[in-house]
Every structure is written in C-alpha cells, then in structure tokens.
N, C-alpha and C. Protein backbone atom coordinates (compact mmCIF):
# COMPACT_ATOMS: atom_id res chain seq x y z
N MET A 1 -94.05 3.33 -148.34
CA MET A 1 -92.43 3.58 -148.41
C MET A 1 -91.89 2.89 -147.24
N GLY A 2 -90.76 1.74 -146.91
CA GLY A 2 -90.37 1.15 -146.53
C GLY A 2 -88.76 1.64 -146.56
N ILE A 3 -87.98 0.83 -145.74
CA ILE A 3 -86.85 0.91 -145.34
C ILE A 3 -85.61 0.76 -146.37
N ASN A 4 -84.66 1.19 -147.23
CA ASN A 4 -83.59 0.93 -147.86
C ASN A 4 -83.02 -0.17 -147.17
N TYR A 5 -82.88 -1.16 -147.96
CA TYR A 5 -81.80 -2.11 -147.11
C TYR A 5 -80.83 -1.49 -146.97
N PHE A 6 -80.04 -1.22 -147.66
CA PHE A 6 -78.63 -0.25 -147.69
C PHE A 6 -78.49 0.77 -146.54
N GLY A 7 -79.95 0.97 -145.65
CA GLY A 7 -79.80 1.94 -145.10
C GLY A 7 -79.32 3.57 -146.11
N ASN A 8 -78.37 4.59 -145.26
CA ASN A 8 -78.22 5.87 -145.61
C ASN A 8 -77.22 6.00 -146.12
N ILE A 9 -76.52 4.77 -146.53
CA ILE A 9 -75.11 4.90 -147.36
C ILE A 9 -75.51 5.51 -148.70
N SER A 10 -74.45 6.40 -149.25
CA SER A 10 -75.05 6.32 -150.68
C SER A 10 -74.84 5.96 -151.51
N GLN A 11 -75.55 6.15 -152.78
CA GLN A 11 -74.98 5.25 -153.65
C GLN A 11 -73.47 5.08 -154.57
N GLU A 12 -72.73 6.50 -153.89
CA GLU A 12 -71.19 6.42 -154.17
C GLU A 12 -70.06 5.73 -153.23
N GLU A 13 -71.21 5.41 -152.62
CA GLU A 13 -70.17 5.00 -151.33
C GLU A 13 -70.74 3.39 -151.28
N LEU A 14 -71.62 2.80 -151.71
CA LEU A 14 -72.34 1.53 -152.02
C LEU A 14 -71.60 0.88 -153.36
N ALA A 15 -71.01 1.90 -154.45
CA ALA A 15 -70.46 1.75 -155.73
C ALA A 15 -69.28 1.62 -155.45
N GLN A 16 -68.14 2.42 -154.27
CA GLN A 16 -67.34 2.05 -153.31
C GLN A 16 -67.09 0.72 -153.26
N GLU A 17 -68.31 0.52 -152.80
CA GLU A 17 -67.70 -1.35 -151.74
C GLU A 17 -68.27 -2.12 -152.82
N LEU A 18 -68.48 -2.07 -153.88
CA LEU A 18 -68.74 -2.75 -155.17
C LEU A 18 -67.76 -2.50 -156.22
N ILE A 19 -66.93 -1.58 -156.12
CA ILE A 19 -65.33 -1.70 -156.57
C ILE A 19 -64.77 -2.88 -156.08
N LYS A 20 -64.61 -2.70 -154.79
CA LYS A 20 -63.69 -3.57 -153.72
C LYS A 20 -64.34 -5.18 -154.01
N TYR A 21 -65.41 -5.19 -154.13
CA TYR A 21 -65.93 -6.54 -153.72
C TYR A 21 -66.94 -6.82 -155.13
N PRO A 22 -66.78 -7.00 -156.38
CA PRO A 22 -67.87 -6.67 -157.02
C PRO A 22 -68.31 -8.10 -157.34
N GLU A 23 -68.62 -9.12 -156.22
CA GLU A 23 -69.59 -10.49 -156.32
C GLU A 23 -70.22 -9.40 -155.05
N LEU A 24 -70.13 -9.01 -154.78
CA LEU A 24 -71.29 -8.57 -153.79
C LEU A 24 -72.82 -8.17 -154.44
N TYR A 25 -72.00 -7.64 -155.61
CA TYR A 25 -73.70 -7.39 -156.48
C TYR A 25 -74.22 -8.16 -156.68
N SER A 26 -73.91 -9.35 -157.46
CA SER A 26 -75.03 -10.64 -157.63
C SER A 26 -75.44 -11.68 -156.50
N SER A 27 -74.47 -11.26 -155.49
CA SER A 27 -75.02 -12.13 -154.38
C SER A 27 -75.89 -10.99 -153.83
N GLN A 28 -76.07 -9.83 -153.60
CA GLN A 28 -76.95 -9.23 -152.62
C GLN A 28 -78.22 -9.08 -153.80
N THR A 29 -77.95 -8.83 -155.05
CA THR A 29 -79.44 -9.02 -155.84
C THR A 29 -80.24 -10.58 -155.48
N ASN A 30 -79.18 -11.36 -155.71
CA ASN A 30 -79.68 -12.85 -156.18
C ASN A 30 -80.51 -12.76 -154.12
N ALA A 31 -79.91 -12.69 -153.19
CA ALA A 31 -80.47 -12.76 -151.86
C ALA A 31 -81.60 -11.44 -151.65
N LEU A 32 -81.58 -10.61 -152.07
CA LEU A 32 -83.18 -9.72 -151.39
C LEU A 32 -83.77 -10.22 -152.46
N GLN A 33 -83.84 -10.84 -153.64
CA GLN A 33 -84.71 -11.05 -154.64
C GLN A 33 -85.53 -12.59 -154.76
N LYS A 34 -84.84 -13.75 -153.84
CA LYS A 34 -84.69 -14.72 -153.08
C LYS A 34 -85.61 -14.47 -151.78
N SER A 35 -85.16 -13.73 -151.13
CA SER A 35 -85.62 -13.35 -150.27
C SER A 35 -87.20 -12.85 -149.86
N ALA A 36 -87.12 -11.79 -151.50
CA ALA A 36 -88.56 -11.30 -151.35
C ALA A 36 -89.16 -12.51 -151.79
N SER A 37 -88.68 -13.55 -152.83
CA SER A 37 -89.59 -14.41 -153.14
C SER A 37 -90.37 -15.47 -152.60
N LEU A 38 -89.53 -16.03 -151.63
CA LEU A 38 -89.59 -16.57 -150.11
C LEU A 38 -90.47 -16.22 -148.99
N LYS A 39 -90.78 -14.74 -149.32
CA LYS A 39 -91.33 -14.25 -148.01
C LYS A 39 -91.09 -14.10 -146.67
N ILE A 40 -89.81 -14.16 -147.01
CA ILE A 40 -88.78 -13.99 -145.99
C ILE A 40 -88.26 -12.47 -145.41
N LEU A 41 -88.03 -11.70 -146.40
CA LEU A 41 -87.53 -10.20 -145.89
C LEU A 41 -88.72 -9.91 -145.22
N ASN A 42 -87.87 -8.98 -144.29
CA ASN A 42 -88.27 -8.06 -143.79
C ASN A 42 -89.25 -6.99 -144.30
N PRO A 43 -90.45 -7.51 -143.66
CA PRO A 43 -91.42 -6.57 -144.31
C PRO A 43 -91.41 -4.88 -144.10
N GLU A 44 -90.79 -4.57 -143.57
CA GLU A 44 -90.20 -3.36 -143.55
C GLU A 44 -89.26 -2.95 -145.10
N ILE A 45 -88.67 -3.62 -145.00
CA ILE A 45 -87.54 -3.52 -146.35
C ILE A 45 -88.41 -3.22 -147.39
N ASP A 46 -88.35 -2.06 -148.48
CA ASP A 46 -88.73 -1.48 -149.67
C ASP A 46 -87.47 -2.29 -150.39
N LEU A 47 -88.42 -3.44 -151.16
CA LEU A 47 -87.47 -4.25 -152.07
C LEU A 47 -86.91 -3.31 -153.57
N GLU A 48 -87.76 -2.45 -154.05
CA GLU A 48 -87.79 -1.59 -155.29
C GLU A 48 -86.83 -0.91 -155.42
N SER A 49 -87.09 -0.29 -154.14
CA SER A 49 -85.94 0.94 -153.69
C SER A 49 -84.51 0.28 -153.27
N SER A 50 -84.29 -0.63 -152.56
CA SER A 50 -83.19 -1.29 -152.37
C SER A 50 -82.49 -1.89 -153.82
N LEU A 51 -83.26 -2.73 -154.67
CA LEU A 51 -82.68 -2.96 -155.93
C LEU A 51 -82.28 -2.13 -156.63
N ASN A 52 -82.72 -1.01 -156.69
CA ASN A 52 -82.72 -0.04 -156.94
C ASN A 52 -81.79 0.86 -157.19
N LYS A 53 -81.14 1.38 -155.78
CA LYS A 53 -80.12 1.87 -155.06
C LYS A 53 -78.78 0.70 -155.46
N LEU A 54 -79.22 -0.74 -155.21
CA LEU A 54 -77.61 -1.12 -155.63
C LEU A 54 -77.61 -1.04 -157.41
N ASN A 55 -78.47 -1.09 -158.20
CA ASN A 55 -78.51 -1.36 -159.71
C ASN A 55 -77.56 -0.39 -160.21
N LYS A 56 -78.24 1.18 -159.50
CA LYS A 56 -77.18 2.21 -159.75
C LYS A 56 -75.89 2.27 -159.07
N ALA A 57 -75.85 1.86 -157.94
CA ALA A 57 -74.35 1.91 -157.44
C ALA A 57 -73.64 1.12 -158.67
N ASN A 58 -74.11 -0.29 -159.00
CA ASN A 58 -73.30 -0.88 -159.57
C ASN A 58 -72.95 0.14 -161.38
N GLN A 59 -73.88 0.49 -161.38
CA GLN A 59 -73.56 1.05 -163.05
C GLN A 59 -72.51 2.43 -162.56
N ILE A 60 -72.52 2.99 -161.32
CA ILE A 60 -71.39 3.89 -161.58
C ILE A 60 -69.80 3.27 -160.64
N ALA A 61 -69.85 2.17 -160.21
CA ALA A 61 -68.83 0.91 -160.09
C ALA A 61 -68.45 0.29 -161.34
N ASN A 62 -69.51 0.17 -162.24
CA ASN A 62 -68.92 -0.47 -163.58
C ASN A 62 -68.08 0.71 -164.67
N LYS A 63 -68.76 1.93 -164.50
CA LYS A 63 -67.18 2.19 -165.11
C LYS A 63 -66.14 2.65 -165.28
N GLY A 64 -65.41 2.29 -166.40
CA GLY A 64 -63.84 2.05 -166.40
C GLY A 64 -63.60 0.80 -166.23
N ARG A 65 -64.70 -0.45 -166.22
CA ARG A 65 -64.36 -1.86 -166.11
C ARG A 65 -64.29 -2.51 -167.19
N ILE A 66 -63.19 -3.27 -167.39
CA ILE A 66 -63.39 -4.03 -169.08
C ILE A 66 -64.12 -5.10 -168.72
N PHE A 67 -65.24 -5.35 -169.79
CA PHE A 67 -66.32 -6.83 -170.20
C PHE A 67 -65.69 -7.63 -171.24
N ILE A 68 -65.71 -9.09 -171.06
CA ILE A 68 -65.35 -9.50 -171.97
C ILE A 68 -66.57 -10.56 -172.07
N PHE A 69 -67.19 -10.98 -173.74
CA PHE A 69 -68.02 -11.75 -173.63
C PHE A 69 -67.49 -12.76 -174.61
N ASP A 70 -68.45 -14.07 -174.93
CA ASP A 70 -68.27 -15.19 -175.90
C ASP A 70 -68.93 -14.37 -177.27
N TYR A 71 -68.28 -14.13 -177.94
CA TYR A 71 -68.62 -13.59 -179.69
C TYR A 71 -69.34 -14.63 -180.66
N GLU A 72 -70.54 -15.08 -181.08
CA GLU A 72 -70.50 -15.66 -182.39
C GLU A 72 -71.04 -14.91 -183.72
N ASP A 73 -70.64 -15.18 -184.42
CA ASP A 73 -70.60 -14.78 -185.85
C ASP A 73 -70.82 -15.73 -186.87
N GLY A 74 -72.79 -15.49 -186.92
CA GLY A 74 -73.41 -16.48 -187.97
C GLY A 74 -72.67 -16.68 -189.56
N TYR A 75 -71.65 -14.99 -189.75
CA TYR A 75 -71.38 -15.84 -191.10
C TYR A 75 -69.64 -16.19 -191.21
N LEU A 76 -69.48 -16.10 -189.82
CA LEU A 76 -67.71 -17.08 -189.89
C LEU A 76 -68.35 -18.41 -189.93
N ASN A 77 -69.61 -18.74 -188.73
CA ASN A 77 -69.96 -20.12 -188.82
C ASN A 77 -70.40 -20.35 -190.45
N GLN A 78 -70.83 -19.99 -191.04
CA GLN A 78 -71.54 -20.25 -192.08
C GLN A 78 -70.17 -20.91 -192.97
N GLN A 79 -69.02 -20.08 -193.30
CA GLN A 79 -67.66 -19.96 -193.68
C GLN A 79 -66.80 -21.01 -193.42
N SER A 80 -67.28 -21.10 -192.36
CA SER A 80 -66.33 -23.02 -191.72
C SER A 80 -66.54 -24.22 -192.02
N THR A 81 -65.47 -24.82 -192.66
CA THR A 81 -66.20 -26.37 -192.64
C THR A 81 -66.37 -26.89 -191.53
N LEU A 82 -66.04 -26.54 -190.46
CA LEU A 82 -66.19 -27.47 -189.53
C LEU A 82 -67.65 -26.89 -188.64
N GLY A 83 -68.16 -25.65 -189.49
CA GLY A 83 -69.37 -25.44 -188.79
C GLY A 83 -69.39 -24.27 -187.70
N TYR A 84 -67.87 -23.95 -187.19
CA TYR A 84 -67.57 -23.26 -186.03
C TYR A 84 -66.00 -22.93 -186.17
N TYR A 85 -65.63 -21.66 -186.41
CA TYR A 85 -64.25 -20.82 -185.85
C TYR A 85 -63.71 -21.03 -185.00
N GLY A 86 -64.66 -21.60 -183.94
CA GLY A 86 -63.88 -21.78 -182.29
C GLY A 86 -64.17 -20.53 -181.55
N GLN A 87 -64.00 -20.53 -180.50
CA GLN A 87 -64.64 -19.50 -179.43
C GLN A 87 -63.54 -18.08 -179.70
N ILE A 88 -64.61 -17.23 -179.69
CA ILE A 88 -64.24 -15.98 -179.79
C ILE A 88 -64.85 -15.13 -179.00
N PHE A 89 -63.59 -14.09 -178.44
CA PHE A 89 -64.21 -13.27 -177.62
C PHE A 89 -63.83 -11.78 -177.94
N GLN A 90 -64.89 -11.08 -177.28
CA GLN A 90 -64.84 -9.57 -177.52
C GLN A 90 -64.90 -8.76 -176.23
N PHE A 91 -64.65 -7.49 -176.30
CA PHE A 91 -63.95 -6.92 -175.06
C PHE A 91 -64.73 -5.52 -175.48
N TYR A 92 -65.65 -4.47 -174.00
CA TYR A 92 -66.07 -3.67 -173.99
C TYR A 92 -65.73 -3.03 -172.88
N LYS A 93 -65.94 -1.30 -172.93
CA LYS A 93 -65.68 -0.57 -171.76
C LYS A 93 -66.98 0.35 -171.48
N LEU A 94 -67.48 1.01 -170.57
CA LEU A 94 -68.27 1.12 -170.34
C LEU A 94 -67.65 2.79 -170.40
N ILE A 95 -68.34 3.67 -170.75
CA ILE A 95 -67.43 5.21 -171.03
C ILE A 95 -68.61 6.14 -171.09
N GLY A 96 -68.58 6.52 -170.34
CA GLY A 96 -70.21 7.80 -170.09
C GLY A 96 -70.91 6.84 -170.17
N GLU A 97 -72.16 7.32 -170.73
CA GLU A 97 -73.43 5.95 -170.66
C GLU A 97 -73.50 5.07 -172.31
N LYS A 98 -72.39 4.14 -172.86
CA LYS A 98 -72.23 3.76 -173.75
C LYS A 98 -71.66 2.53 -173.73
N MET A 99 -71.64 1.21 -173.67
CA MET A 99 -70.33 0.67 -174.21
C MET A 99 -69.94 0.59 -175.14
N ILE A 100 -68.63 0.41 -175.08
CA ILE A 100 -67.47 0.51 -176.29
C ILE A 100 -66.73 -0.40 -176.50
N GLY A 101 -66.66 -1.31 -177.95
CA GLY A 101 -65.92 -1.96 -177.77
C GLY A 101 -64.51 -1.72 -177.97
N ILE A 102 -63.51 -2.34 -177.58
CA ILE A 102 -61.95 -2.41 -177.22
C ILE A 102 -61.68 -2.66 -178.17
N GLN A 103 -61.20 -1.52 -179.74
CA GLN A 103 -60.49 -2.28 -180.58
C GLN A 103 -59.14 -2.58 -181.14
N GLU A 104 -58.50 -2.69 -180.16
CA GLU A 104 -56.99 -3.07 -179.95
C GLU A 104 -56.87 -4.42 -178.93
N LEU A 105 -58.22 -4.61 -178.33
CA LEU A 105 -58.59 -6.20 -177.96
C LEU A 105 -59.18 -7.52 -178.96
N ASN A 106 -60.01 -6.37 -179.49
CA ASN A 106 -61.05 -6.54 -180.40
C ASN A 106 -60.50 -7.14 -182.05
N ASN A 107 -59.43 -6.73 -182.40
CA ASN A 107 -58.98 -6.75 -183.82
C ASN A 107 -58.99 -8.23 -184.42
N HIS A 108 -59.54 -8.08 -184.89
CA HIS A 108 -58.99 -10.11 -185.96
C HIS A 108 -59.75 -11.03 -184.92
N TYR A 109 -60.77 -10.36 -184.54
CA TYR A 109 -61.68 -12.18 -184.06
C TYR A 109 -60.57 -13.39 -182.80
N PRO A 110 -60.24 -12.53 -182.10
CA PRO A 110 -59.10 -13.28 -181.02
C PRO A 110 -60.18 -14.30 -180.46
N ASP A 111 -59.34 -15.37 -180.21
CA ASP A 111 -59.51 -16.54 -180.00
C ASP A 111 -58.93 -16.57 -178.65
N PHE A 112 -59.10 -17.52 -177.69
CA PHE A 112 -58.70 -17.44 -176.44
C PHE A 112 -57.07 -17.08 -176.35
N ASP A 113 -56.24 -17.91 -177.46
CA ASP A 113 -55.08 -17.86 -176.97
C ASP A 113 -54.59 -16.43 -177.10
N GLU A 114 -54.81 -16.26 -178.02
CA GLU A 114 -54.86 -14.04 -178.74
C GLU A 114 -54.79 -13.37 -177.68
N SER A 115 -56.68 -14.02 -176.98
CA SER A 115 -56.70 -12.72 -176.03
C SER A 115 -56.02 -12.80 -174.56
N VAL A 116 -55.58 -13.60 -174.46
CA VAL A 116 -55.15 -14.13 -173.31
C VAL A 116 -53.87 -13.03 -173.59
N LYS A 117 -52.74 -13.65 -174.72
CA LYS A 117 -51.88 -12.68 -175.17
C LYS A 117 -52.06 -11.15 -175.08
N ARG A 118 -52.76 -10.97 -175.70
CA ARG A 118 -53.12 -9.16 -175.78
C ARG A 118 -53.53 -8.70 -174.31
N LEU A 119 -54.49 -9.83 -173.91
CA LEU A 119 -54.46 -8.98 -172.54
C LEU A 119 -53.34 -8.93 -171.36
N LYS A 120 -53.02 -10.07 -171.70
CA LYS A 120 -51.14 -9.81 -171.07
C LYS A 120 -50.38 -8.83 -171.19
N SER A 121 -50.33 -8.12 -172.78
CA SER A 121 -49.50 -7.23 -172.91
C SER A 121 -50.05 -5.84 -172.67
N LYS A 122 -51.67 -6.02 -172.19
CA LYS A 122 -51.86 -4.71 -171.48
C LYS A 122 -52.44 -4.83 -170.04
N ASN A 123 -51.47 -5.80 -169.11
CA ASN A 123 -51.53 -5.68 -167.71
C ASN A 123 -52.99 -5.90 -167.34
N ILE A 124 -53.57 -6.13 -167.86
CA ILE A 124 -55.03 -6.45 -167.77
C ILE A 124 -55.33 -7.83 -166.62
N GLU A 125 -55.59 -7.68 -165.78
CA GLU A 125 -55.08 -9.02 -165.11
C GLU A 125 -57.29 -9.10 -164.33
N GLU A 126 -57.99 -8.49 -164.26
CA GLU A 126 -59.24 -8.60 -163.92
C GLU A 126 -60.38 -8.31 -165.05
N LEU A 127 -61.37 -9.16 -165.81
CA LEU A 127 -62.68 -8.59 -166.88
C LEU A 127 -63.97 -8.91 -165.54
N PHE A 128 -65.00 -8.63 -166.25
CA PHE A 128 -66.04 -8.55 -165.86
C PHE A 128 -67.44 -9.36 -167.07
N THR A 129 -67.97 -10.43 -166.77
CA THR A 129 -69.00 -10.31 -167.98
C THR A 129 -70.29 -10.79 -167.06
N GLY A 130 -71.39 -10.87 -167.82
CA GLY A 130 -72.49 -11.10 -167.51
C GLY A 130 -73.40 -10.92 -168.55
N LYS A 131 -74.73 -11.83 -168.01
CA LYS A 131 -75.50 -11.76 -169.13
C LYS A 131 -76.24 -10.65 -169.74
N ILE A 132 -76.32 -10.10 -171.35
CA ILE A 132 -77.13 -8.94 -171.33
C ILE A 132 -78.54 -8.99 -171.55
N PRO A 133 -79.09 -8.16 -171.03
CA PRO A 133 -80.34 -8.64 -170.82
C PRO A 133 -81.05 -8.16 -172.12
N GLU A 134 -82.46 -8.28 -172.58
CA GLU A 134 -82.66 -8.53 -174.06
C GLU A 134 -82.96 -6.79 -174.36
N LYS A 135 -83.63 -5.88 -173.18
CA LYS A 135 -83.65 -4.71 -173.63
C LYS A 135 -81.94 -4.10 -173.91
N GLY A 136 -81.27 -4.90 -173.63
CA GLY A 136 -79.87 -4.03 -173.72
C GLY A 136 -79.15 -3.79 -172.97
N TYR A 137 -77.83 -3.27 -172.65
CA TYR A 137 -77.15 -2.89 -171.46
C TYR A 137 -76.46 -1.79 -171.80
N PHE A 138 -76.34 -0.35 -171.52
CA PHE A 138 -75.73 0.60 -171.94
C PHE A 138 -75.14 0.72 -173.75
N GLY A 139 -76.49 0.33 -174.08
CA GLY A 139 -76.17 0.62 -175.80
C GLY A 139 -75.68 -0.96 -176.65
N LEU A 140 -75.54 -1.48 -175.84
CA LEU A 140 -75.10 -2.89 -175.83
C LEU A 140 -76.10 -3.99 -176.05
N LYS A 141 -76.47 -5.45 -177.37
CA LYS A 141 -77.29 -5.71 -177.48
C LYS A 141 -76.40 -7.02 -177.49
N SER A 142 -77.57 -8.31 -177.04
CA SER A 142 -76.95 -9.75 -177.04
C SER A 142 -77.17 -10.37 -178.23
N LYS A 143 -77.82 -9.73 -179.23
CA LYS A 143 -77.47 -10.45 -180.47
C LYS A 143 -78.38 -9.23 -181.31
N TRP A 144 -78.04 -9.05 -182.55
CA TRP A 144 -78.34 -8.51 -183.98
C TRP A 144 -77.87 -8.93 -185.19
N PHE A 145 -78.46 -8.12 -186.35
CA PHE A 145 -78.64 -9.19 -187.48
C PHE A 145 -78.20 -7.92 -188.51
N ASP A 146 -76.97 -8.53 -189.75
CA ASP A 146 -76.49 -6.86 -190.44
C ASP A 146 -77.65 -7.00 -191.33
N GLU A 147 -77.66 -6.63 -192.72
CA GLU A 147 -78.84 -6.03 -193.56
C GLU A 147 -78.26 -7.68 -194.59
N ASP A 148 -77.09 -9.11 -194.71
CA ASP A 148 -77.25 -10.14 -194.94
C ASP A 148 -78.17 -11.25 -194.13
N LYS A 149 -78.86 -10.22 -193.65
CA LYS A 149 -79.70 -11.15 -192.26
C LYS A 149 -78.31 -12.26 -191.51
N ASP A 150 -77.20 -12.06 -191.41
CA ASP A 150 -76.62 -12.79 -190.41
C ASP A 150 -76.49 -12.20 -189.29
N GLY A 151 -76.59 -13.19 -188.02
CA GLY A 151 -76.73 -13.34 -187.08
C GLY A 151 -75.31 -12.80 -186.08
N TYR A 152 -75.36 -11.91 -184.90
CA TYR A 152 -73.97 -11.62 -184.16
C TYR A 152 -74.76 -11.90 -183.11
N TRP A 153 -73.99 -12.77 -182.11
CA TRP A 153 -74.37 -12.95 -180.55
C TRP A 153 -73.05 -12.11 -179.38
N LEU A 154 -73.63 -11.83 -178.24
CA LEU A 154 -72.75 -11.64 -177.25
C LEU A 154 -73.23 -12.33 -175.90
N LYS A 155 -72.65 -13.49 -175.16
CA LYS A 155 -72.94 -14.22 -174.11
C LYS A 155 -72.20 -14.02 -173.19
N LYS A 156 -72.27 -14.34 -171.72
CA LYS A 156 -71.37 -13.95 -170.91
C LYS A 156 -70.50 -15.35 -170.92
N VAL A 157 -69.03 -14.60 -170.75
CA VAL A 157 -68.15 -15.87 -170.40
C VAL A 157 -69.04 -17.05 -169.63
N THR A 158 -68.66 -18.36 -169.57
CA THR A 158 -68.61 -19.65 -168.65
C THR A 158 -67.26 -20.15 -168.77
N ASP A 159 -66.35 -20.12 -169.62
CA ASP A 159 -64.89 -21.17 -169.14
C ASP A 159 -64.21 -20.27 -168.38
N ILE A 160 -64.81 -19.76 -167.41
CA ILE A 160 -63.66 -18.72 -166.93
C ILE A 160 -62.69 -19.35 -165.92
N LYS A 161 -62.46 -21.07 -165.78
CA LYS A 161 -61.41 -21.20 -165.28
C LYS A 161 -59.80 -21.65 -166.14
N ASN A 162 -60.24 -21.87 -167.11
CA ASN A 162 -58.93 -21.56 -168.52
C ASN A 162 -58.17 -20.04 -167.78
N PHE A 163 -58.90 -18.98 -167.79
CA PHE A 163 -58.43 -17.63 -167.66
C PHE A 163 -57.51 -17.55 -166.47
N LYS A 164 -58.31 -17.73 -165.69
CA LYS A 164 -57.85 -17.86 -164.16
C LYS A 164 -56.64 -18.75 -164.54
N GLU A 165 -56.60 -20.15 -164.92
CA GLU A 165 -55.02 -20.51 -165.16
C GLU A 165 -53.96 -19.82 -165.91
N GLU A 166 -54.85 -18.63 -166.59
CA GLU A 166 -53.49 -17.86 -167.03
C GLU A 166 -53.15 -16.66 -166.39
N GLY A 167 -54.12 -16.85 -165.29
CA GLY A 167 -53.15 -15.36 -163.94
C GLY A 167 -54.69 -14.42 -164.58
N ILE A 168 -56.02 -14.54 -165.19
CA ILE A 168 -56.47 -13.60 -165.86
C ILE A 168 -58.13 -14.04 -164.61
N GLN A 169 -58.41 -13.18 -164.30
CA GLN A 169 -59.91 -13.12 -162.93
C GLN A 169 -60.87 -12.89 -163.71
N ILE A 170 -62.01 -13.51 -164.11
CA ILE A 170 -63.16 -12.93 -164.81
C ILE A 170 -64.09 -12.97 -163.76
N ILE A 171 -65.06 -11.80 -163.71
CA ILE A 171 -66.07 -11.89 -162.32
C ILE A 171 -67.38 -11.65 -162.94
N ASP A 172 -68.48 -13.01 -162.61
CA ASP A 172 -69.26 -13.03 -163.47
C ASP A 172 -70.35 -11.83 -162.54
N LEU A 173 -71.21 -11.14 -162.78
CA LEU A 173 -71.82 -10.25 -162.42
C LEU A 173 -73.24 -10.75 -163.08
N GLY A 174 -73.88 -12.15 -162.98
CA GLY A 174 -75.11 -11.96 -163.24
C GLY A 174 -75.82 -11.63 -164.18
N VAL A 175 -77.19 -10.99 -164.24
CA VAL A 175 -77.48 -10.52 -165.08
C VAL A 175 -77.34 -8.86 -165.11
N LEU A 176 -76.60 -8.19 -166.14
CA LEU A 176 -76.39 -6.51 -166.27
C LEU A 176 -77.09 -5.68 -166.32
N LYS A 177 -77.45 -5.18 -165.40
CA LYS A 177 -78.77 -4.06 -164.88
C LYS A 177 -77.95 -2.32 -164.84
C-alpha cells in the first residue's frame, strides 16, 4: 500500500476545499487517472486509495447542492407534432443518501426560461451537473421506463453558457461518483 495523494488531510477537510472549489473534483480525478494511464504517476502514490478519498470527500461536499439535468420524456416526445417539446430541465438535491427531486422547481416540466425564472425567484445562483453513471447516483438513474414502456432520460446539462448569461453558474462535475 502506497501513499495517498491527498496526504494526511481528512475527508471532511478535503470536502471543505471541494465546497469552495468544486471544479477541483473533476480536475483532480482526471489528472490522477490520466497520470496513471500514462505511467507518470509517482509509483509511491496509491491511486485507488487516493481516488476513493476524493470520491468520498466529494459525496460529503455534494450534500445540499442542487443538481440540474436535461430531462427527456419519451411520452412527451411522441405527443409533440414536432417530435420534441423542447429542452426541459429537472432539479435534484442530495438529502441523506438519496437524490430527491425538488418539486417546486420541477413542477410542469420547466423549459429554459421557466427554469431561470424559478431559480431567480429562489435566489439560486449556483447549480451542479454531471453524467449519471450506469449504476446510478444515490438512487437517481440516467434512464428508466414506465409500465407503458415510455422512456425517460436524465443527462448532464451541456448548454451552460445560456445559464451563465442569466447569472446562473452551472459547474460540471464530470461523471458523478
């Protein structure tokens, strides 16, 4: 067993840094994984232990954060004469060990303009997004089907620029872990 990249800092202390600088999570994860794949990571560094500590600290940091995802509803798409109703967003918050939809933000399938209006009315200026892994993320799945076999998908928001122009920062955390 080698040295942890993050040294003696506790998970809670690392989480505090991730709260202040959320972009560190994806940049540090990518740097560690890329360094290992290129075989330039110090061989004394225990990659698995380092990534595990970073992932656990990020889970602590994510508690209370509001997440935004692009939402696609197969049924709505079928009902639209255009084939698609437009871009719809869904909002979730990590409460305890489960991602919970925020009803007051999600009500009636909000498009971009309605989402911005609702976020501003709640003074929400910072959101997080990321790719939901196949195994899910705290109970949240990236795709599912109802009893009528209609599909539903949650995807990371890629149109961050328009939100930024409205004064709302969206931070992409990469693949959620």
